[in-house]
Each structure stands twice: as structure tokens, then as C-alpha cells.
């Protein structure tokens, strides 16, 4: 996996420290705070990316599907007799059943 300097973008080997800040200082080029960057002590060192685990509750999707199905069925009842009311019944029933099955499946996996 390639590693890159967070300052100049040069490819680094594992454990290697980039010397771009020292090279830039030796040539008289403006670096660091003079460029508007904050002084970061880790600048130029490889920093591994560690993603945070997303904490989405497992019941969030099935509950959302159940609620959406109920709303679609209610919309179909309110607009009864129109073409989209039948479409609303069918999609609402699908969402409702999928949500209920998801809730039941989640409850079984907890036991």
C-alpha cells in the first residue's frame, strides 16, 4: 500500500520520514506558517488512516421501511380510486412486509 507525505505528496516507504520541509527551508522557499499552513509537528510523517466504525443501529432500516410502508398505504387510502393509489398500496405493502421481516430477523439474531 502506498504511503505519501502529508506535506508534499511524495511516496514514502513504511517508517520513512520525508525531508521536504528541510529541503524547502534550505532553498529559501517559504514553508509552514508563511504559506498560511499551521505548524503541525507530524507534518511529513506517515500517518496511517484508521476509519471510525459507523454506528448505524441495526433496527433503523427495518423501522424506516415499516413506517414508509404504513405512510404509503395511508396515502393509498386517502387517494382511493386513482391510479397512484394502487401503486401506493403495492409499494406500501412491500415496504411494510420487508420492514416487519427485518425487525423479526433482528430479534431472532439477538437471542
PDB file of N, CA and C in Angstrom:
ATOM      1  N   UNK A   1       0.842  -1.167   0.000  1.00  0.00           N
ATOM      2  CA  UNK A   1       0.000   0.000   0.000  1.00  0.00           C
ATOM      3  C   UNK A   1       0.888   1.231   0.000  1.00  0.00           C
ATOM      4  N   UNK A   2       0.613   2.161  -0.849  1.00  0.00           N
ATOM      5  CA  UNK A   2       1.433   3.358  -0.988  1.00  0.00           C
ATOM      6  C   UNK A   2       1.193   4.301   0.187  1.00  0.00           C
ATOM      7  N   UNK A   3       2.275   4.932   0.620  1.00  0.00           N
ATOM      8  CA  UNK A   3       2.199   5.933   1.677  1.00  0.00           C
ATOM      9  C   UNK A   3       2.738   7.226   1.093  1.00  0.00           C
ATOM     10  N   UNK A   4       2.145   8.354   1.507  1.00  0.00           N
ATOM     11  CA  UNK A   4       2.505   9.631   0.931  1.00  0.00           C
ATOM     12  C   UNK A   4       2.756  10.652   2.031  1.00  0.00           C
ATOM     13  N   UNK A   5       3.619  11.605   1.747  1.00  0.00           N
ATOM     14  CA  UNK A   5       3.897  12.707   2.663  1.00  0.00           C
ATOM     15  C   UNK A   5       2.660  13.598   2.721  1.00  0.00           C
ATOM     16  N   UNK A   6       2.253  13.972   3.924  1.00  0.00           N
ATOM     17  CA  UNK A   6       1.070  14.818   4.064  1.00  0.00           C
ATOM     18  C   UNK A   6       1.371  16.271   3.710  1.00  0.00           C
ATOM     19  N   UNK A   7       2.643  16.613   3.504  1.00  0.00           N
ATOM     20  CA  UNK A   7       3.020  17.978   3.154  1.00  0.00           C
ATOM     21  C   UNK A   7       3.206  18.146   1.643  1.00  0.00           C
ATOM     22  N   UNK A   8       4.046  17.292   1.035  1.00  0.00           N
ATOM     23  CA  UNK A   8       4.367  17.467  -0.384  1.00  0.00           C
ATOM     24  C   UNK A   8       3.746  16.402  -1.279  1.00  0.00           C
ATOM     25  N   UNK A   9       3.276  15.284  -0.715  1.00  0.00           N
ATOM     26  CA  UNK A   9       2.632  14.244  -1.500  1.00  0.00           C
ATOM     27  C   UNK A   9       3.576  13.207  -2.079  1.00  0.00           C
ATOM     28  N   UNK A  10       4.875  13.265  -1.713  1.00  0.00           N
ATOM     29  CA  UNK A  10       5.846  12.304  -2.229  1.00  0.00           C
ATOM     30  C   UNK A  10       5.573  10.921  -1.635  1.00  0.00           C
ATOM     31  N   UNK A  11       5.761   9.859  -2.446  1.00  0.00           N
ATOM     32  CA  UNK A  11       5.566   8.484  -1.981  1.00  0.00           C
ATOM     33  C   UNK A  11       6.643   8.144  -0.957  1.00  0.00           C
ATOM     34  N   UNK A  12       6.227   7.511   0.153  1.00  0.00           N
ATOM     35  CA  UNK A  12       7.146   7.149   1.237  1.00  0.00           C
ATOM     36  C   UNK A  12       7.113   5.650   1.475  1.00  0.00           C
ATOM     37  N   UNK A  13       8.237   5.113   1.888  1.00  0.00           N
ATOM     38  CA  UNK A  13       8.302   3.733   2.334  1.00  0.00           C
ATOM     39  C   UNK A  13       7.812   3.687   3.779  1.00  0.00           C
ATOM     40  N   UNK A  14       7.455   2.506   4.279  1.00  0.00           N
ATOM     41  CA  UNK A  14       6.975   2.389   5.640  1.00  0.00           C
ATOM     42  C   UNK A  14       8.072   2.807   6.618  1.00  0.00           C
ATOM     43  N   UNK A  15       7.752   3.735   7.511  1.00  0.00           N
ATOM     44  CA  UNK A  15       8.702   4.226   8.502  1.00  0.00           C
ATOM     45  C   UNK A  15       9.585   5.358   7.998  1.00  0.00           C
ATOM     46  N   UNK A  16       9.554   5.659   6.707  1.00  0.00           N
ATOM     47  CA  UNK A  16      10.390   6.715   6.144  1.00  0.00           C
ATOM     48  C   UNK A  16       9.813   8.080   6.499  1.00  0.00           C
ATOM     49  N   UNK A  17      10.693   9.049   6.773  1.00  0.00           N
ATOM     50  CA  UNK A  17      10.287  10.408   7.072  1.00  0.00           C
ATOM     51  C   UNK A  17      10.676  11.285   5.894  1.00  0.00           C
ATOM     52  N   UNK A  18       9.735  12.090   5.418  1.00  0.00           N
ATOM     53  CA  UNK A  18      10.003  12.964   4.287  1.00  0.00           C
ATOM     54  C   UNK A  18      10.825  14.164   4.753  1.00  0.00           C
ATOM     55  N   UNK A  19      11.778  14.577   3.933  1.00  0.00           N
ATOM     56  CA  UNK A  19      12.625  15.708   4.293  1.00  0.00           C
ATOM     57  C   UNK A  19      12.259  16.956   3.494  1.00  0.00           C
ATOM     58  N   UNK A  20      11.044  17.033   3.000  1.00  0.00           N
ATOM     59  CA  UNK A  20      10.646  18.153   2.152  1.00  0.00           C
ATOM     60  C   UNK A  20      10.687  19.477   2.906  1.00  0.00           C
ATOM     61  N   UNK A  21      10.398  19.479   4.185  1.00  0.00           N
ATOM     62  CA  UNK A  21      10.411  20.729   4.946  1.00  0.00           C
ATOM     63  C   UNK A  21      11.834  21.244   5.105  1.00  0.00           C
ATOM     64  N   UNK A  22      12.804  20.347   5.328  1.00  0.00           N
ATOM     65  CA  UNK A  22      14.193  20.782   5.457  1.00  0.00           C
ATOM     66  C   UNK A  22      14.725  21.266   4.109  1.00  0.00           C
ATOM     67  N   UNK A  23      14.367  20.584   3.027  1.00  0.00           N
ATOM     68  CA  UNK A  23      14.832  20.968   1.695  1.00  0.00           C
ATOM     69  C   UNK A  23      14.283  22.342   1.335  1.00  0.00           C
ATOM     70  N   UNK A  24      12.991  22.569   1.606  1.00  0.00           N
ATOM     71  CA  UNK A  24      12.380  23.859   1.295  1.00  0.00           C
ATOM     72  C   UNK A  24      13.002  24.988   2.114  1.00  0.00           C
ATOM     73  N   UNK A  25      13.336  24.710   3.361  1.00  0.00           N
ATOM     74  CA  UNK A  25      13.952  25.736   4.198  1.00  0.00           C
ATOM     75  C   UNK A  25      15.353  26.075   3.702  1.00  0.00           C
ATOM     76  N   UNK A  26      16.075  25.063   3.229  1.00  0.00           N
ATOM     77  CA  UNK A  26      17.436  25.283   2.738  1.00  0.00           C
ATOM     78  C   UNK A  26      17.473  26.079   1.449  1.00  0.00           C
ATOM     79  N   UNK A  27      16.430  25.987   0.633  1.00  0.00           N
ATOM     80  CA  UNK A  27      16.413  26.716  -0.635  1.00  0.00           C
ATOM     81  C   UNK A  27      15.831  28.108  -0.488  1.00  0.00           C
ATOM     82  N   UNK A  28      15.357  28.453   0.700  1.00  0.00           N
ATOM     83  CA  UNK A  28      14.819  29.774   0.924  1.00  0.00           C
ATOM     84  C   UNK A  28      13.356  29.907   0.532  1.00  0.00           C
ATOM     85  N   UNK A  29      12.707  28.804   0.163  1.00  0.00           N
ATOM     86  CA  UNK A  29      11.289  28.877  -0.186  1.00  0.00           C
ATOM     87  C   UNK A  29      10.471  29.009   1.094  1.00  0.00           C
ATOM     88  N   UNK A  30       9.369  29.731   0.976  1.00  0.00           N
ATOM     89  CA  UNK A  30       8.503  29.907   2.132  1.00  0.00           C
ATOM     90  C   UNK A  30       7.791  28.593   2.429  1.00  0.00           C
ATOM     91  N   UNK A  31       7.755  28.225   3.685  1.00  0.00           N
ATOM     92  CA  UNK A  31       7.076  26.994   4.088  1.00  0.00           C
ATOM     93  C   UNK A  31       6.275  27.252   5.345  1.00  0.00           C
ATOM     94  N   UNK A  32       5.499  26.251   5.729  1.00  0.00           N
ATOM     95  CA  UNK A  32       4.810  26.262   7.011  1.00  0.00           C
ATOM     96  C   UNK A  32       3.848  27.414   7.163  1.00  0.00           C
ATOM     97  N   UNK A  33       4.006  28.176   8.258  1.00  0.00           N
ATOM     98  CA  UNK A  33       3.070  29.239   8.573  1.00  0.00           C
ATOM     99  C   UNK A  33       3.154  30.392   7.580  1.00  0.00           C
ATOM    100  N   UNK A  34       4.283  30.557   6.931  1.00  0.00           N
ATOM    101  CA  UNK A  34       4.400  31.623   5.939  1.00  0.00           C
ATOM    102  C   UNK A  34       3.463  31.374   4.757  1.00  0.00           C
ATOM    103  N   UNK A  35       3.171  30.110   4.481  1.00  0.00           N
ATOM    104  CA  UNK A  35       2.235  29.759   3.405  1.00  0.00           C
ATOM    105  C   UNK A  35       0.793  29.752   3.895  1.00  0.00           C
ATOM    106  N   UNK A  36       0.571  30.052   5.154  1.00  0.00           N
ATOM    107  CA  UNK A  36      -0.783  30.006   5.697  1.00  0.00           C
ATOM    108  C   UNK A  36      -1.111  28.664   6.312  1.00  0.00           C
ATOM    109  N   UNK A  37      -0.164  27.741   6.369  1.00  0.00           N
ATOM    110  CA  UNK A  37      -0.392  26.435   6.983  1.00  0.00           C
ATOM    111  C   UNK A  37      -0.054  26.532   8.458  1.00  0.00           C
ATOM    112  N   UNK A  38      -0.750  25.744   9.246  1.00  0.00           N
ATOM    113  CA  UNK A  38      -0.440  25.709  10.668  1.00  0.00           C
ATOM    114  C   UNK A  38       0.787  24.853  10.891  1.00  0.00           C
ATOM    115  N   UNK A  39       1.504  25.126  11.957  1.00  0.00           N
ATOM    116  CA  UNK A  39       2.701  24.360  12.277  1.00  0.00           C
ATOM    117  C   UNK A  39       2.278  23.025  12.885  1.00  0.00           C
ATOM    118  N   UNK A  40       2.353  21.976  12.111  1.00  0.00           N
ATOM    119  CA  UNK A  40       1.947  20.640  12.539  1.00  0.00           C
ATOM    120  C   UNK A  40       3.204  19.815  12.789  1.00  0.00           C
ATOM    121  N   UNK A  41       3.423  19.334  14.031  1.00  0.00           N
ATOM    122  CA  UNK A  41       4.640  18.563  14.305  1.00  0.00           C
ATOM    123  C   UNK A  41       4.681  17.239  13.558  1.00  0.00           C
ATOM    124  N   UNK A  42       3.540  16.716  13.123  1.00  0.00           N
ATOM    125  CA  UNK A  42       3.511  15.442  12.397  1.00  0.00           C
ATOM    126  C   UNK A  42       3.637  15.627  10.895  1.00  0.00           C
ATOM    127  N   UNK A  43       3.783  16.844  10.434  1.00  0.00           N
ATOM    128  CA  UNK A  43       3.858  17.125   9.006  1.00  0.00           C
ATOM    129  C   UNK A  43       5.067  16.403   8.411  1.00  0.00           C
ATOM    130  N   UNK A  44       4.858  15.651   7.354  1.00  0.00           N
ATOM    131  CA  UNK A  44       5.938  14.948   6.699  1.00  0.00           C
ATOM    132  C   UNK A  44       6.105  13.512   7.160  1.00  0.00           C
ATOM    133  N   UNK A  45       5.409  13.102   8.200  1.00  0.00           N
ATOM    134  CA  UNK A  45       5.494  11.733   8.688  1.00  0.00           C
ATOM    135  C   UNK A  45       4.309  10.944   8.165  1.00  0.00           C
ATOM    136  N   UNK A  46       4.509   9.663   7.971  1.00  0.00           N
ATOM    137  CA  UNK A  46       3.416   8.801   7.535  1.00  0.00           C
ATOM    138  C   UNK A  46       2.424   8.651   8.676  1.00  0.00           C
ATOM    139  N   UNK A  47       1.164   8.909   8.393  1.00  0.00           N
ATOM    140  CA  UNK A  47       0.115   8.753   9.378  1.00  0.00           C
ATOM    141  C   UNK A  47      -0.914   7.784   8.819  1.00  0.00           C
ATOM    142  N   UNK A  48      -1.019   6.580   9.391  1.00  0.00           N
ATOM    143  CA  UNK A  48      -1.965   5.608   8.847  1.00  0.00           C
ATOM    144  C   UNK A  48      -3.403   6.076   9.056  1.00  0.00           C
ATOM    145  N   UNK A  49      -4.244   5.770   8.090  1.00  0.00           N
ATOM    146  CA  UNK A  49      -5.655   6.115   8.174  1.00  0.00           C
ATOM    147  C   UNK A  49      -6.387   5.018   8.913  1.00  0.00           C
ATOM    148  N   UNK A  50      -7.062   5.378   9.976  1.00  0.00           N
ATOM    149  CA  UNK A  50      -7.852   4.417  10.738  1.00  0.00           C
ATOM    150  C   UNK A  50      -9.304   4.880  10.720  1.00  0.00           C
ATOM    151  N   UNK A  51     -10.133   4.238   9.898  1.00  0.00           N
ATOM    152  CA  UNK A  51     -11.527   4.677   9.795  1.00  0.00           C
ATOM    153  C   UNK A  51     -12.307   4.377  11.068  1.00  0.00           C
ATOM    154  N   UNK A  52     -13.226   5.257  11.383  1.00  0.00           N
ATOM    155  CA  UNK A  52     -14.107   5.027  12.522  1.00  0.00           C
ATOM    156  C   UNK A  52     -15.276   4.184  12.059  1.00  0.00           C
ATOM    157  N   UNK A  53     -15.721   3.308  12.920  1.00  0.00           N
ATOM    158  CA  UNK A  53     -16.844   2.446  12.574  1.00  0.00           C
ATOM    159  C   UNK A  53     -18.133   3.249  12.657  1.00  0.00           C
ATOM    160  N   UNK A  54     -18.909   3.155  11.605  1.00  0.00           N
ATOM    161  CA  UNK A  54     -20.195   3.850  11.596  1.00  0.00           C
ATOM    162  C   UNK A  54     -21.149   3.132  12.528  1.00  0.00           C
ATOM    163  N   UNK A  55     -21.777   3.851  13.386  1.00  0.00           N
ATOM    164  CA  UNK A  55     -22.667   3.257  14.377  1.00  0.00           C
ATOM    165  C   UNK A  55     -24.128   3.372  13.988  1.00  0.00           C
ATOM    166  N   UNK A  56     -24.531   2.757  12.898  1.00  0.00           N
ATOM    167  CA  UNK A  56     -25.932   2.786  12.491  1.00  0.00           C
ATOM    168  C   UNK A  56     -26.659   1.666  13.235  1.00  0.00           C
ATOM    169  N   UNK A  57     -27.688   2.008  13.978  1.00  0.00           N
ATOM    170  CA  UNK A  57     -28.434   0.959  14.684  1.00  0.00           C
ATOM    171  C   UNK A  57     -29.017  -0.043  13.701  1.00  0.00           C
ATOM    172  N   UNK A  58     -28.988  -1.317  14.062  1.00  0.00           N
ATOM    173  CA  UNK A  58     -29.429  -2.372  13.146  1.00  0.00           C
ATOM    174  C   UNK A  58     -30.929  -2.327  12.880  1.00  0.00           C
ATOM    175  N   UNK A  59     -31.693  -1.789  13.793  1.00  0.00           N
ATOM    176  CA  UNK A  59     -33.143  -1.728  13.596  1.00  0.00           C
ATOM    177  C   UNK A  59     -33.586  -0.477  12.859  1.00  0.00           C
ATOM    178  N   UNK A  60     -32.672   0.425  12.543  1.00  0.00           N
ATOM    179  CA  UNK A  60     -33.048   1.686  11.912  1.00  0.00           C
ATOM    180  C   UNK A  60     -33.677   1.467  10.534  1.00  0.00           C
ATOM    181  N   UNK A  61     -33.078   0.629   9.713  1.00  0.00           N
ATOM    182  CA  UNK A  61     -33.599   0.400   8.358  1.00  0.00           C
ATOM    183  C   UNK A  61     -34.947  -0.324   8.386  1.00  0.00           C
ATOM    184  N   UNK A  62     -35.103  -1.431   9.138  1.00  0.00           N
ATOM    185  CA  UNK A  62     -36.421  -2.084   9.143  1.00  0.00           C
ATOM    186  C   UNK A  62     -37.537  -1.197   9.708  1.00  0.00           C
ATOM    187  N   UNK A  63     -37.223  -0.395  10.714  1.00  0.00           N
ATOM    188  CA  UNK A  63     -38.246   0.501  11.263  1.00  0.00           C
ATOM    189  C   UNK A  63     -38.611   1.556  10.221  1.00  0.00           C
ATOM    190  N   UNK A  64     -37.621   2.082   9.521  1.00  0.00           N
ATOM    191  CA  UNK A  64     -37.882   3.057   8.463  1.00  0.00           C
ATOM    192  C   UNK A  64     -38.718   2.467   7.345  1.00  0.00           C
ATOM    193  N   UNK A  65     -38.442   1.219   6.986  1.00  0.00           N
ATOM    194  CA  UNK A  65     -39.235   0.565   5.944  1.00  0.00           C
ATOM    195  C   UNK A  65     -40.680   0.361   6.395  1.00  0.00           C
ATOM    196  N   UNK A  66     -40.863  -0.008   7.653  1.00  0.00           N
ATOM    197  CA  UNK A  66     -42.205  -0.225   8.178  1.00  0.00           C
ATOM    198  C   UNK A  66     -43.002   1.077   8.197  1.00  0.00           C
ATOM    199  N   UNK A  67     -42.371   2.141   8.660  1.00  0.00           N
ATOM    200  CA  UNK A  67     -43.044   3.439   8.706  1.00  0.00           C
ATOM    201  C   UNK A  67     -43.374   3.920   7.290  1.00  0.00           C
ATOM    202  N   UNK A  68     -42.423   3.791   6.376  1.00  0.00           N
ATOM    203  CA  UNK A  68     -42.666   4.204   4.988  1.00  0.00           C
ATOM    204  C   UNK A  68     -43.807   3.404   4.374  1.00  0.00           C
ATOM    205  N   UNK A  69     -43.848   2.114   4.629  1.00  0.00           N
ATOM    206  CA  UNK A  69     -44.938   1.275   4.117  1.00  0.00           C
ATOM    207  C   UNK A  69     -46.284   1.713   4.659  1.00  0.00           C
ATOM    208  N   UNK A  70     -46.331   2.013   5.945  1.00  0.00           N
ATOM    209  CA  UNK A  70     -47.583   2.486   6.544  1.00  0.00           C
ATOM    210  C   UNK A  70     -48.040   3.800   5.950  1.00  0.00           C
ATOM    211  N   UNK A  71     -47.105   4.722   5.743  1.00  0.00           N
ATOM    212  CA  UNK A  71     -47.450   6.017   5.153  1.00  0.00           C
ATOM    213  C   UNK A  71     -47.954   5.832   3.721  1.00  0.00           C
ATOM    214  N   UNK A  72     -47.319   4.970   2.945  1.00  0.00           N
ATOM    215  CA  UNK A  72     -47.761   4.735   1.566  1.00  0.00           C
ATOM    216  C   UNK A  72     -49.151   4.101   1.520  1.00  0.00           C
ATOM    217  N   UNK A  73     -49.426   3.194   2.436  1.00  0.00           N
ATOM    218  CA  UNK A  73     -50.766   2.583   2.470  1.00  0.00           C
ATOM    219  C   UNK A  73     -51.810   3.623   2.858  1.00  0.00           C
ATOM    220  N   UNK A  74     -51.488   4.486   3.831  1.00  0.00           N
ATOM    221  CA  UNK A  74     -52.417   5.557   4.202  1.00  0.00           C
ATOM    222  C   UNK A  74     -52.650   6.509   3.030  1.00  0.00           C
ATOM    223  N   UNK A  75     -51.591   6.816   2.285  1.00  0.00           N
ATOM    224  CA  UNK A  75     -51.734   7.671   1.102  1.00  0.00           C
ATOM    225  C   UNK A  75     -52.657   7.011   0.085  1.00  0.00           C
ATOM    226  N   UNK A  76     -52.524   5.704  -0.069  1.00  0.00           N
ATOM    227  CA  UNK A  76     -53.409   4.983  -0.986  1.00  0.00           C
ATOM    228  C   UNK A  76     -54.857   5.016  -0.537  1.00  0.00           C
ATOM    229  N   UNK A  77     -55.089   4.953   0.780  1.00  0.00           N
ATOM    230  CA  UNK A  77     -56.459   5.024   1.295  1.00  0.00           C
ATOM    231  C   UNK A  77     -57.058   6.411   1.096  1.00  0.00           C
ATOM    232  N   UNK A  78     -56.238   7.441   1.301  1.00  0.00           N
ATOM    233  CA  UNK A  78     -56.733   8.811   1.159  1.00  0.00           C
ATOM    234  C   UNK A  78     -57.083   9.122  -0.287  1.00  0.00           C
ATOM    235  N   UNK A  79     -56.241   8.661  -1.211  1.00  0.00           N
ATOM    236  CA  UNK A  79     -56.445   8.974  -2.632  1.00  0.00           C
ATOM    237  C   UNK A  79     -57.142   7.831  -3.353  1.00  0.00           C
ATOM    238  N   UNK A  80     -57.977   7.088  -2.686  1.00  0.00           N
ATOM    239  CA  UNK A  80     -58.609   5.891  -3.246  1.00  0.00           C
ATOM    240  C   UNK A  80     -59.266   6.114  -4.596  1.00  0.00           C
ATOM    241  N   UNK A  81     -59.093   5.138  -5.473  1.00  0.00           N
ATOM    242  CA  UNK A  81     -59.708   5.183  -6.773  1.00  0.00           C
ATOM    243  C   UNK A  81     -58.827   5.765  -7.868  1.00  0.00           C
ATOM    244  N   UNK A  82     -57.762   6.368  -7.547  1.00  0.00           N
ATOM    245  CA  UNK A  82     -56.860   6.941  -8.545  1.00  0.00           C
ATOM    246  C   UNK A  82     -55.791   5.914  -8.887  1.00  0.00           C
ATOM    247  N   UNK A  83     -55.135   6.119 -10.010  1.00  0.00           N
ATOM    248  CA  UNK A  83     -54.118   5.152 -10.429  1.00  0.00           C
ATOM    249  C   UNK A  83     -52.983   5.024  -9.422  1.00  0.00           C
ATOM    250  N   UNK A  84     -52.527   6.150  -8.881  1.00  0.00           N
ATOM    251  CA  UNK A  84     -51.379   6.063  -7.976  1.00  0.00           C
ATOM    252  C   UNK A  84     -51.747   5.492  -6.616  1.00  0.00           C
ATOM    253  N   UNK A  85     -53.038   5.419  -6.308  1.00  0.00           N
ATOM    254  CA  UNK A  85     -53.411   4.795  -5.040  1.00  0.00           C
ATOM    255  C   UNK A  85     -53.116   3.298  -5.074  1.00  0.00           C
ATOM    256  N   UNK A  86     -53.313   2.668  -6.231  1.00  0.00           N
ATOM    257  CA  UNK A  86     -52.998   1.239  -6.347  1.00  0.00           C
ATOM    258  C   UNK A  86     -51.486   1.006  -6.277  1.00  0.00           C
ATOM    259  N   UNK A  87     -50.753   1.893  -6.926  1.00  0.00           N
ATOM    260  CA  UNK A  87     -49.284   1.804  -6.853  1.00  0.00           C
ATOM    261  C   UNK A  87     -48.835   2.005  -5.413  1.00  0.00           C
ATOM    262  N   UNK A  88     -49.477   2.927  -4.724  1.00  0.00           N
ATOM    263  CA  UNK A  88     -49.137   3.193  -3.334  1.00  0.00           C
ATOM    264  C   UNK A  88     -49.446   1.987  -2.445  1.00  0.00           C
ATOM    265  N   UNK A  89     -50.564   1.317  -2.690  1.00  0.00           N
ATOM    266  CA  UNK A  89     -50.893   0.103  -1.924  1.00  0.00           C
ATOM    267  C   UNK A  89     -49.808  -0.958  -2.083  1.00  0.00           C
ATOM    268  N   UNK A  90     -49.450  -1.214  -3.315  1.00  0.00           N
ATOM    269  CA  UNK A  90     -48.496  -2.292  -3.599  1.00  0.00           C
ATOM    270  C   UNK A  90     -47.122  -1.973  -3.011  1.00  0.00           C
ATOM    271  N   UNK A  91     -46.616  -0.761  -3.266  1.00  0.00           N
ATOM    272  CA  UNK A  91     -45.286  -0.422  -2.727  1.00  0.00           C
ATOM    273  C   UNK A  91     -45.324  -0.317  -1.210  1.00  0.00           C
ATOM    274  N   UNK A  92     -46.432   0.217  -0.673  1.00  0.00           N
ATOM    275  CA  UNK A  92     -46.558   0.301   0.792  1.00  0.00           C
ATOM    276  C   UNK A  92     -46.578  -1.071   1.427  1.00  0.00           C
ATOM    277  N   UNK A  93     -47.300  -2.017   0.822  1.00  0.00           N
ATOM    278  CA  UNK A  93     -47.343  -3.380   1.359  1.00  0.00           C
ATOM    279  C   UNK A  93     -45.957  -4.023   1.291  1.00  0.00           C
ATOM    280  N   UNK A  94     -45.234  -3.755   0.203  1.00  0.00           N
ATOM    281  CA  UNK A  94     -43.885  -4.309   0.078  1.00  0.00           C
ATOM    282  C   UNK A  94     -42.949  -3.763   1.145  1.00  0.00           C
ATOM    283  N   UNK A  95     -42.975  -2.444   1.339  1.00  0.00           N
ATOM    284  CA  UNK A  95     -42.141  -1.845   2.383  1.00  0.00           C
ATOM    285  C   UNK A  95     -42.538  -2.357   3.763  1.00  0.00           C
ATOM    286  N   UNK A  96     -43.837  -2.430   4.011  1.00  0.00           N
ATOM    287  CA  UNK A  96     -44.327  -2.864   5.318  1.00  0.00           C
ATOM    288  C   UNK A  96     -43.883  -4.288   5.626  1.00  0.00           C
ATOM    289  N   UNK A  97     -44.059  -5.191   4.686  1.00  0.00           N
ATOM    290  CA  UNK A  97     -43.666  -6.589   4.906  1.00  0.00           C
ATOM    291  C   UNK A  97     -42.150  -6.736   5.042  1.00  0.00           C
ATOM    292  N   UNK A  98     -41.402  -6.008   4.216  1.00  0.00           N
ATOM    293  CA  UNK A  98     -39.949  -6.080   4.307  1.00  0.00           C
ATOM    294  C   UNK A  98     -39.474  -5.566   5.657  1.00  0.00           C
ATOM    295  N   UNK A  99     -40.072  -4.468   6.129  1.00  0.00           N
ATOM    296  CA  UNK A  99     -39.691  -3.914   7.423  1.00  0.00           C
ATOM    297  C   UNK A  99     -40.021  -4.852   8.568  1.00  0.00           C
ATOM    298  N   UNK A 100     -41.209  -5.439   8.532  1.00  0.00           N
ATOM    299  CA  UNK A 100     -41.609  -6.365   9.596  1.00  0.00           C
ATOM    300  C   UNK A 100     -40.695  -7.590   9.607  1.00  0.00           C
ATOM    301  N   UNK A 101     -40.388  -8.118   8.430  1.00  0.00           N
ATOM    302  CA  UNK A 101     -39.478  -9.268   8.364  1.00  0.00           C
ATOM    303  C   UNK A 101     -38.084  -8.898   8.882  1.00  0.00           C
ATOM    304  N   UNK A 102     -37.626  -7.683   8.576  1.00  0.00           N
ATOM    305  CA  UNK A 102     -36.328  -7.243   9.080  1.00  0.00           C
ATOM    306  C   UNK A 102     -36.298  -7.117  10.586  1.00  0.00           C
ATOM    307  N   UNK A 103     -37.391  -6.611  11.164  1.00  0.00           N
ATOM    308  CA  UNK A 103     -37.473  -6.498  12.628  1.00  0.00           C
ATOM    309  C   UNK A 103     -37.479  -7.882  13.272  1.00  0.00           C
ATOM    310  N   UNK A 104     -38.246  -8.797  12.717  1.00  0.00           N
ATOM    311  CA  UNK A 104     -38.295 -10.162  13.255  1.00  0.00           C
ATOM    312  C   UNK A 104     -36.929 -10.829  13.148  1.00  0.00           C
ATOM    313  N   UNK A 105     -36.267 -10.655  12.012  1.00  0.00           N
ATOM    314  CA  UNK A 105     -34.930 -11.245  11.824  1.00  0.00           C
ATOM    315  C   UNK A 105     -33.920 -10.685  12.815  1.00  0.00           C
ATOM    316  N   UNK A 106     -33.989  -9.400  13.075  1.00  0.00           N
ATOM    317  CA  UNK A 106     -33.073  -8.783  14.038  1.00  0.00           C
ATOM    318  C   UNK A 106     -33.344  -9.299  15.443  1.00  0.00           C
ATOM    319  N   UNK A 107     -34.599  -9.477  15.792  1.00  0.00           N
ATOM    320  CA  UNK A 107     -34.948 -10.007  17.112  1.00  0.00           C
ATOM    321  C   UNK A 107     -34.446 -11.449  17.271  1.00  0.00           C
ATOM    322  N   UNK A 108     -34.534 -12.240  16.191  1.00  0.00           N
ATOM    323  CA  UNK A 108     -34.043 -13.628  16.255  1.00  0.00           C
ATOM    324  C   UNK A 108     -32.532 -13.662  16.435  1.00  0.00           C
ATOM    325  N   UNK A 109     -31.824 -12.749  15.784  1.00  0.00           N
ATOM    326  CA  UNK A 109     -30.343 -12.762  15.858  1.00  0.00           C
ATOM    327  C   UNK A 109     -29.840 -12.315  17.224  1.00  0.00           C
ATOM    328  N   UNK A 110     -30.661 -11.618  17.993  1.00  0.00           N
ATOM    329  CA  UNK A 110     -30.263 -11.183  19.342  1.00  0.00           C
ATOM    330  C   UNK A 110     -30.319 -12.307  20.357  1.00  0.00           C
ATOM    331  N   UNK A 111     -31.157 -13.304  20.090  1.00  0.00           N
ATOM    332  CA  UNK A 111     -31.330 -14.397  21.063  1.00  0.00           C
ATOM    333  C   UNK A 111     -30.190 -15.367  21.022  1.00  0.00           C
TER     334      UNK A 111
END
